[in-house]
Amino acid sequence: MSHWVDKKERSNLATIRLIVMLARTLGRRAGRGLLYPITLYFVIFSRGGYRASKLFLRRAMPARPGFREVFNHYYAFASTLLDNVFISANRFDLFDIEICDNGWRKVIRADTHAGRGSIFLGAHLGSFHAMRLTGDRFNIPVAAMMHRAESSKIMQVLAEQAPSLKRNVIEITDPDAWIRAKALLDEGVSIAILADRSVSDDNNLHIDFLGQPALFPAGPIIISSLLKAPVYTIFTLYRGKALYQVHIHKLGDNIQLQRGNRLESARPYVSRYVRQLEDHCRLAPYNWFNFYDFWASAQRPGADEHEPAES
């Protein structure tokens, strides 16, 4: 199992519920005022996260990062978590959206109206959940397909207060996951998948990322090839105050992989995804929300690339 899955979250559910309650009671502006002491607490006491932040920022930024840069990194993360409270409550009116898509939004919207959904490959870069802002603003319905391990505590709390969120999530290990995903695509609903973290020791590829090899899962590309839908990368970057900037790039139309060699035939697509991820990390480094040593798993013994045998 990958390193990130084993990490324990410092915040407990009671604390998160308190923050969510205060945010919804006091509003977004007052809630943002609470982020400064909360951020300071995590920067001071989350030593592993502090080191991981500096490690990443050194690779993604031209200047050497210090305490201020790490604080800004954590503050951006806290800001998106707070915004998730209001996004889950459908308060889309609180936010501004800027689209950077080279015209792909029109293509996606036309496909949606014709009953053809797309696959969006995202990352823990910016706000994956803020894609709902894009869907609402431009009438592009989106459902998420994810591993249960990717459900953070805050999303558990948000789902408790907005049960409709669960209807928009497909658990990737459920027996009917593929049937549900295909049915949604055929209805014009797009499927969003986080593609930067590996959740198992299978189907991983060593890809150079910001100057050093890291493990990336081929699973999202394999899933995309099975679902036979157009594939895009999408990064919803937090740009301060109430602004989110959505970057969309085409990755492939109808990805086809060799049945007997899926892993290696997925490599060009995974590499292209990683290059786009890398570009956006440099564009908005404070939006990187993997607060652990992202490269460590590629150095572990037994972290060789591996594809399960065909049965």
Foldseek 3Di string as FASTA:
>chain_A
DDPLLPDDDPDDLVVLLVLLVCCVVVHLVVSLVVLLVVLVVCCVPVVQLVVQLQVLCVLQEPDRDDSVSSSLLSSQVVSLLSVVSCVLVVVLVQFDEAEDEVPVLVVLLVCLVVQAAAEEEEALFAHPSCVVSVCVVSVAAEAEEEAPSVCDSSNVSSCVVRVVNVVRYQHNPDPCSLVVQLVCRSNSHYYYYHWADDDDLAQWDFEDASHGTFITHLVVVVSQLVSQAWYKYWHFHDDDDRYTYIYIDTQGGRDDADPQCRSVSSVVSVNVVRVVVRVVCSVPVSRNPPSHNRRVLVVDPPSDHHHDGDD
